[in-house]
């Protein structure tokens, strides 16, 4: 489904192509929200561990969620490790050794979905992105939409590094440093991925032309400009209306491919743990995002397989 700017398509290439090479050649389709796909299948995600709870209790459900997105047209599965941390698991009585096993399992389940998709007739290259959510995701109090946790960059680096090491050891195709609300946390994450041997993308959660913590996006994106590990930079878990300007800024400041996967347009109510408002997401918007420099395009919360299929078709038509 992914298309290239020069008439070539990622579909035309062998399955051994790396994600970095695919981004140089064209546009790659990301999946959509893991949580809404699991909820639509009847799973209760009201727990603080969110979809990470199912790693231990219903791992097959996670594989099926990934598979639904691959079958819809996604080229990349983002693992269910967004809210999976040693600290979060420890609150539930899960010891560090078992927590590490569950982090590795998140990558293995996505790989299993790749195998099932290919067995079912999907022939295009498929990749796995290991999700690394912000510190605030572990707190499960909505602070990933605010940042400014009161921790230093060094403290945030110490928090992120252990699970990054475990996830990198599971050999995903890329580490998805996602929904980052604060440039300080981005600094910590960029330090923490050094030397792991796995490329990464860095994706901020934004409001207008600033990070959720209030820093100008131009400054926030600039942090990744010289980071060799970072193969794409952009935004996710934001309103669709905030995307195009952010894509233009990210492309101009970093010169790197841009990653973008917004929410449906609804707003998260942390107290009620529910979504408010209505969707403003439309697949036709991706044409403008692509023209502005986006190369990894998908959806985040409340964006399901049907919408991802529409994105894939829209990008294919834009070749």
Protein backbone atom coordinates (compact mmCIF):
# COMPACT_ATOMS: atom_id res chain seq x y z
CA UNK A 1 0.00 0.00 0.00
CA UNK A 2 2.91 2.34 0.56
CA UNK A 3 3.98 4.54 -2.29
CA UNK A 4 7.15 6.24 -3.43
CA UNK A 5 7.65 9.78 -4.63
CA UNK A 6 9.38 8.66 -7.81
CA UNK A 7 6.80 6.16 -8.99
CA UNK A 8 8.33 3.20 -7.13
CA UNK A 9 6.35 1.61 -4.38
CA UNK A 10 7.50 -0.09 -1.22
CA UNK A 11 5.34 -3.01 -2.35
CA UNK A 12 7.71 -3.56 -5.27
CA UNK A 13 10.67 -4.21 -2.97
CA UNK A 14 11.83 -7.35 -1.22
CA UNK A 15 10.79 -8.18 2.31
CA UNK A 16 14.37 -7.66 3.47
CA UNK A 17 14.19 -3.89 2.98
CA UNK A 18 14.75 -1.99 6.20
CA UNK A 19 12.28 0.60 7.39
CA UNK A 20 14.94 3.28 6.89
CA UNK A 21 15.29 2.25 3.26
CA UNK A 22 11.53 2.17 2.81
CA UNK A 23 11.22 5.73 4.11
CA UNK A 24 13.86 6.88 1.64
CA UNK A 25 11.84 5.29 -1.15
CA UNK A 26 8.31 6.31 -0.29
CA UNK A 27 5.48 6.41 2.20
CA UNK A 28 4.79 3.76 4.85
CA UNK A 29 1.44 3.16 6.54
CA UNK A 30 1.32 2.85 10.33
CA UNK A 31 -1.41 1.07 12.24
CA UNK A 32 -4.08 2.71 14.40
CA UNK A 33 -5.03 2.67 18.06
CA UNK A 34 -4.33 -0.58 19.88
CA UNK A 35 -6.71 0.19 22.73
CA UNK A 36 -9.81 0.87 20.66
CA UNK A 37 -9.23 -2.26 18.60
CA UNK A 38 -8.98 -4.35 21.78
CA UNK A 39 -12.03 -2.65 23.28
CA UNK A 40 -14.02 -3.27 20.11
CA UNK A 41 -13.19 -6.95 20.57
CA UNK A 42 -14.74 -6.82 24.03
CA UNK A 43 -11.68 -6.44 26.27
CA UNK A 44 -11.83 -4.24 29.39
CA UNK A 45 -8.91 -1.78 29.47
CA UNK A 46 -9.95 0.27 32.51
CA UNK A 47 -6.93 -1.02 34.42
CA UNK A 48 -3.93 1.31 34.95
CA UNK A 49 -1.80 -1.03 32.82
CA UNK A 50 -4.20 -0.44 29.91
CA UNK A 51 -3.48 -2.76 26.98
CA UNK A 52 -0.25 -3.94 28.66
CA UNK A 53 -2.37 -6.01 31.07
CA UNK A 54 -3.36 -8.26 28.20
CA UNK A 55 0.29 -9.18 27.60
CA UNK A 56 -0.02 -11.46 30.62
CA UNK A 57 -3.72 -12.32 30.46
CA UNK A 58 -4.76 -12.46 26.77
CA UNK A 59 -1.69 -12.27 24.53
CA UNK A 60 -3.57 -13.81 21.59
CA UNK A 61 -5.92 -10.80 21.62
CA UNK A 62 -2.97 -8.49 20.98
CA UNK A 63 -1.81 -10.57 18.03
CA UNK A 64 -5.32 -10.44 16.57
CA UNK A 65 -5.41 -6.65 16.96
CA UNK A 66 -2.12 -6.30 15.10
CA UNK A 67 -3.35 -8.69 12.42
CA UNK A 68 -6.50 -6.64 11.86
CA UNK A 69 -4.37 -3.60 11.04
CA UNK A 70 -2.04 -5.52 8.72
CA UNK A 71 -5.04 -6.93 6.87
CA UNK A 72 -6.49 -3.41 6.61
CA UNK A 73 -3.34 -2.09 4.92
CA UNK A 74 -0.89 -1.10 7.67
CA UNK A 75 2.79 -1.77 7.03
CA UNK A 76 3.95 -1.22 10.63
CA UNK A 77 2.60 -2.67 13.88
CA UNK A 78 3.26 -0.64 17.03
CA UNK A 79 3.59 -2.97 20.00
CA UNK A 80 1.43 -3.01 23.12
CA UNK A 81 4.32 -1.85 25.34
CA UNK A 82 3.33 1.84 25.51
CA UNK A 83 2.27 1.54 29.15
CA UNK A 84 4.51 -1.42 29.99
CA UNK A 85 7.20 -0.39 32.48
CA UNK A 86 9.08 -2.12 35.27
CA UNK A 87 7.59 0.36 37.74
CA UNK A 88 4.04 -0.06 36.47
CA UNK A 89 4.25 -3.83 36.55
CA UNK A 90 5.78 -3.71 40.04
CA UNK A 91 2.67 -1.89 41.31
CA UNK A 92 0.73 -4.99 40.27
CA UNK A 93 3.13 -7.36 41.99
CA UNK A 94 4.91 -8.40 38.79
CA UNK A 95 8.62 -8.84 39.42
CA UNK A 96 11.32 -7.41 37.18
CA UNK A 97 12.20 -10.71 35.48
CA UNK A 98 8.59 -11.34 34.50
CA UNK A 99 8.17 -7.70 33.45
CA UNK A 100 11.13 -8.07 31.09
CA UNK A 101 9.57 -11.22 29.63
CA UNK A 102 6.34 -9.33 28.97
CA UNK A 103 8.20 -6.50 27.24
CA UNK A 104 9.90 -9.03 24.96
CA UNK A 105 6.55 -10.74 24.43
CA UNK A 106 5.06 -7.49 23.10
CA UNK A 107 7.53 -7.63 20.21
CA UNK A 108 7.06 -11.36 19.68
CA UNK A 109 3.27 -10.98 19.44
CA UNK A 110 3.67 -8.36 16.72
CA UNK A 111 6.11 -10.65 14.90
CA UNK A 112 3.52 -13.44 15.14
CA UNK A 113 0.97 -11.12 13.53
CA UNK A 114 3.46 -10.52 10.72
CA UNK A 115 3.75 -14.28 10.20
CA UNK A 116 -0.01 -14.76 10.21
CA UNK A 117 -0.55 -11.87 7.80
CA UNK A 118 2.01 -13.29 5.39
CA UNK A 119 0.52 -16.77 5.72
CA UNK A 120 -2.82 -15.20 4.86
CA UNK A 121 -1.52 -13.71 1.63
CA UNK A 122 -0.05 -10.30 2.55
CA UNK A 123 3.06 -9.95 0.39
CA UNK A 124 4.26 -6.41 1.09
CA UNK A 125 7.05 -5.76 3.62
CA UNK A 126 5.85 -5.53 7.23
CA UNK A 127 7.70 -4.06 10.21
CA UNK A 128 7.44 -3.99 14.00
CA UNK A 129 7.85 -0.81 16.08
CA UNK A 130 8.39 -1.28 19.82
CA UNK A 131 6.36 1.36 21.64
CA UNK A 132 8.04 3.40 24.36
CA UNK A 133 5.56 5.69 26.03
CA UNK A 134 6.45 8.69 28.21
CA UNK A 135 6.96 8.63 31.97
CA UNK A 136 3.46 10.01 32.43
CA UNK A 137 1.90 6.94 30.81
CA UNK A 138 3.13 4.86 33.74
CA UNK A 139 1.41 7.25 36.16
CA UNK A 140 -1.93 6.66 34.38
CA UNK A 141 -3.25 10.06 35.49
CA UNK A 142 -3.22 11.96 32.20
CA UNK A 143 0.16 13.57 32.86
CA UNK A 144 1.49 12.27 29.54
CA UNK A 145 -0.63 15.07 28.09
CA UNK A 146 1.09 17.67 30.27
CA UNK A 147 4.73 16.71 30.88
CA UNK A 148 6.65 18.69 33.49
CA UNK A 149 6.82 15.80 35.96
CA UNK A 150 9.32 17.46 38.28
CA UNK A 151 12.07 15.03 37.24
CA UNK A 152 15.44 15.93 35.79
CA UNK A 153 16.65 14.78 32.38
CA UNK A 154 19.05 12.40 34.15
CA UNK A 155 16.22 10.90 36.21
CA UNK A 156 14.07 10.42 33.11
CA UNK A 157 16.95 8.77 31.29
CA UNK A 158 17.39 6.33 34.18
CA UNK A 159 13.67 5.53 34.02
CA UNK A 160 13.61 4.86 30.29
CA UNK A 161 16.94 3.10 29.68
CA UNK A 162 16.21 -0.32 31.27
CA UNK A 163 13.06 -1.05 29.27
CA UNK A 164 14.63 0.37 26.12
CA UNK A 165 17.47 -2.12 26.55
CA UNK A 166 15.01 -4.99 26.93
CA UNK A 167 12.90 -3.92 23.97
CA UNK A 168 15.98 -3.37 21.79
CA UNK A 169 17.16 -6.85 22.75
CA UNK A 170 13.94 -8.26 21.30
CA UNK A 171 15.09 -6.85 17.92
CA UNK A 172 12.16 -4.80 16.68
CA UNK A 173 12.68 -2.94 13.43
CA UNK A 174 12.42 0.41 15.19
CA UNK A 175 11.80 1.88 18.64
CA UNK A 176 8.77 4.21 18.71
CA UNK A 177 9.52 6.96 21.23
CA UNK A 178 5.98 8.21 21.17
CA UNK A 179 3.49 10.62 22.72
CA UNK A 180 6.36 12.59 24.24
CA UNK A 181 4.87 15.72 25.86
CA UNK A 182 8.03 17.51 26.88
CA UNK A 183 11.33 18.43 25.21
CA UNK A 184 13.18 17.54 28.42
CA UNK A 185 11.85 14.00 28.19
CA UNK A 186 12.85 13.90 24.54
CA UNK A 187 16.41 14.77 25.59
CA UNK A 188 16.34 11.88 28.06
CA UNK A 189 15.00 9.44 25.47
CA UNK A 190 17.56 10.49 22.89
CA UNK A 191 20.31 9.82 25.40
CA UNK A 192 18.76 6.49 26.39
CA UNK A 193 18.63 5.07 22.84
CA UNK A 194 22.30 5.69 22.14
CA UNK A 195 24.26 2.54 21.49
CA UNK A 196 21.29 0.18 21.46
CA UNK A 197 21.75 -0.74 17.81
CA UNK A 198 18.09 -0.21 16.88
CA UNK A 199 16.83 2.89 15.03
CA UNK A 200 14.11 5.02 16.57
CA UNK A 201 11.48 7.57 15.73
CA UNK A 202 10.66 10.46 18.04
CA UNK A 203 7.06 11.62 18.14
CA UNK A 204 5.68 14.44 20.27
CA UNK A 205 2.17 14.95 21.54
CA UNK A 206 1.36 18.57 20.72
CA UNK A 207 -1.19 21.33 21.10
CA UNK A 208 -1.05 23.86 18.29
CA UNK A 209 2.56 24.83 17.57
CA UNK A 210 3.94 23.69 20.94
CA UNK A 211 4.61 20.53 22.87
CA UNK A 212 2.10 19.67 25.56
CA UNK A 213 4.58 21.10 28.05
CA UNK A 214 4.58 24.40 26.15
CA UNK A 215 7.90 24.37 24.30
CA UNK A 216 7.99 25.66 20.69
CA UNK A 217 7.97 22.73 18.25
CA UNK A 218 10.87 24.17 16.31
CA UNK A 219 13.08 23.81 19.40
CA UNK A 220 11.67 20.40 20.30
CA UNK A 221 12.21 18.91 16.84
CA UNK A 222 15.72 20.37 16.63
CA UNK A 223 16.84 17.99 19.40
CA UNK A 224 16.54 15.08 16.96
CA UNK A 225 18.20 16.75 13.99
CA UNK A 226 21.70 15.44 14.76
CA UNK A 227 20.66 12.16 16.41
CA UNK A 228 21.87 9.40 14.09
CA UNK A 229 19.60 6.86 15.79
CA UNK A 230 16.46 8.81 14.85
CA UNK A 231 15.13 7.90 11.40
CA UNK A 232 11.93 9.95 11.65
CA UNK A 233 10.50 12.71 13.81
CA UNK A 234 7.00 14.07 14.14
CA UNK A 235 3.76 14.02 16.12
CA UNK A 236 1.13 11.62 17.39
CA UNK A 237 -1.81 11.49 19.80
CA UNK A 238 -2.82 15.02 18.81
CA UNK A 239 -5.74 16.62 17.02
CA UNK A 240 -5.76 16.13 13.23
CA UNK A 241 -5.94 19.91 12.86
CA UNK A 242 -2.50 20.30 14.47
CA UNK A 243 -0.73 17.93 12.10
CA UNK A 244 0.05 19.78 8.88
CA UNK A 245 1.92 22.72 10.42
CA UNK A 246 3.85 20.32 12.68
CA UNK A 247 4.85 18.18 9.69
CA UNK A 248 6.16 21.21 7.84
CA UNK A 249 8.16 22.33 10.89
CA UNK A 250 9.61 18.88 11.56
CA UNK A 251 10.70 18.44 7.94
CA UNK A 252 12.26 21.90 7.77
CA UNK A 253 14.09 21.73 11.10
CA UNK A 254 15.41 18.16 10.94
CA UNK A 255 15.59 17.22 7.26
CA UNK A 256 14.37 13.77 8.30
CA UNK A 257 11.31 11.82 7.21
CA UNK A 258 8.28 12.84 9.27
CA UNK A 259 6.09 10.47 11.27
CA UNK A 260 2.48 11.43 11.97
CA UNK A 261 -0.40 9.54 13.56
CA UNK A 262 -3.03 11.74 15.19
CA UNK A 263 -6.07 10.83 17.25
CA UNK A 264 -9.56 10.83 15.81
CA UNK A 265 -10.09 14.38 17.07
CA UNK A 266 -11.88 13.41 20.29
CA UNK A 267 -10.41 14.50 23.65
CA UNK A 268 -9.33 12.22 26.48
CA UNK A 269 -11.00 12.84 29.85
CA UNK A 270 -8.46 11.49 32.36
CA UNK A 271 -10.84 11.67 35.32
CA UNK A 272 -13.61 9.78 33.58
CA UNK A 273 -11.10 7.64 31.64
CA UNK A 274 -13.22 8.16 28.53
CA UNK A 275 -13.22 10.05 25.24
CA UNK A 276 -15.30 13.19 24.72
CA UNK A 277 -16.34 15.05 21.58
CA UNK A 278 -16.54 13.90 17.99
CA UNK A 279 -14.14 12.72 15.31
CA UNK A 280 -12.55 15.19 12.91
CA UNK A 281 -10.19 12.67 11.27
CA UNK A 282 -10.48 12.17 7.51
CA UNK A 283 -8.26 9.98 5.35
CA UNK A 284 -8.16 12.69 2.66
CA UNK A 285 -6.05 14.84 5.01
CA UNK A 286 -3.06 12.53 4.51
CA UNK A 287 -2.48 13.87 1.00
CA UNK A 288 -1.49 17.25 2.45
CA UNK A 289 0.60 15.63 5.18
CA UNK A 290 2.50 13.61 2.59
CA UNK A 291 3.11 16.67 0.44
CA UNK A 292 4.53 18.45 3.50
CA UNK A 293 7.06 15.69 4.20
CA UNK A 294 5.23 12.95 6.12
CA UNK A 295 6.51 9.47 5.26
CA UNK A 296 5.19 7.38 8.18
CA UNK A 297 1.43 7.98 8.35
CA UNK A 298 -1.25 6.32 10.46
CA UNK A 299 -3.58 6.94 13.35
CA UNK A 300 -3.51 6.87 17.14
CA UNK A 301 -6.37 6.76 19.65
CA UNK A 302 -9.83 6.03 18.25
CA UNK A 303 -8.50 5.43 14.74
CA UNK A 304 -9.34 1.86 13.76
CA UNK A 305 -8.64 -0.57 10.90
CA UNK A 306 -11.28 0.93 8.62
CA UNK A 307 -9.62 4.36 8.80
CA UNK A 308 -6.17 2.83 8.30
CA UNK A 309 -7.46 1.05 5.21
CA UNK A 310 -8.70 4.39 3.90
CA UNK A 311 -5.30 5.97 4.54
CA UNK A 312 -3.55 3.14 2.70
CA UNK A 313 -5.85 3.50 -0.30
CA UNK A 314 -5.51 7.28 -0.33
CA UNK A 315 -1.72 7.10 -0.30
CA UNK A 316 -1.73 4.45 -3.03
CA UNK A 317 -3.88 6.71 -5.20
CA UNK A 318 -1.48 9.62 -4.57
CA UNK A 319 1.44 7.85 -6.28
